[in-house]
Amino acid sequence: MSDLDPFKVFLDVQLALPRNGPGSAASTAKALSMLPEVTEGARILDIGCGQGASTFDLLRLTKGHITAVDLYEPFLEKLNARAEREGVSEERLVVKRGDMEALPFHDGEFDLVWSEGAIYLLGFARGLKLWRRFLKPGGYMAVTECTWLKDEPSAAAKAFWDAAYPGMGTAAENCAAAERAGYEVAGTYVLPPEDWWTDYYTPMRARIAAMRATYGEAARDVLDEVETEIVLFENNPGQYSYVFYVLRRKD
């Protein structure tokens, strides 16, 4: 039995990737297009920012002031290093370490709350309820959530996600949950398959192969588990994807 920390293996995989979940600059731009224009100086909160892929997309696509939050220091260190390389000022970007379940912000502090690939850690409905108070009345939230695309998914896909994320719903179920949480749905957008492959699963496969050579048997179980998710997506096209939910706070 190995005493290698599974979370260290997870971080070693994730820190090598361009994105820490499915997504792309094009999909971020698509979600933004469903909103009214984000005005200069608008306050944007990026929750579960990881190494900042969506953060830097938002910096490029808007003139807002972004607060990027994640729990894991190694991600934030890489985000800060990139911001320094690219000359991003504190007028545009503030990076904070924080727990998405207990964020240290004021009610109504933000015009827009953004979160790609992270709300599942709280559960979709619970995350929407917890984060709603940070929005100004009439403010917007855009989040991605892993979502069933088929009412009757394959047995393999259902078994995997029933174990990994039993609260996963359909788009209709998630839109209804958003309305119950105090939002109106401005739009939804299904991330295309390339958003899973280009900057996430393809480099992840390469990283797993490199780590198998480096770690050997010590990391086999963890890497096998990660690779299982890739194979599942590959073998079950069209069964599920991340979906952007663009929501407006109702008051």
Foldseek 3Di string as FASTA:
>chain_A
DFPDDLVVVVCLLQVQFPDNAFDDLVVLVVLCVLDDAQAAAFEEEEEQCFLNPSVVSCVVPHNYAYEYEEADPVSVVNNVVVCVVVVPDNSRYDYDYDDLQDDPAAFQQGQEYEYEPPCLVVALLRSLLRCVRNHHAFGKYKYKDKAFQDPDFDPVVCVVCCVVRVRHYHPVVSQVSNVVSAKHWSDKAFRDPVSCDVRHPVSSVVSLVVVCVVVPPNNVVSSVVVVVVVVVCVVGPSGIGIMMTMITGHD
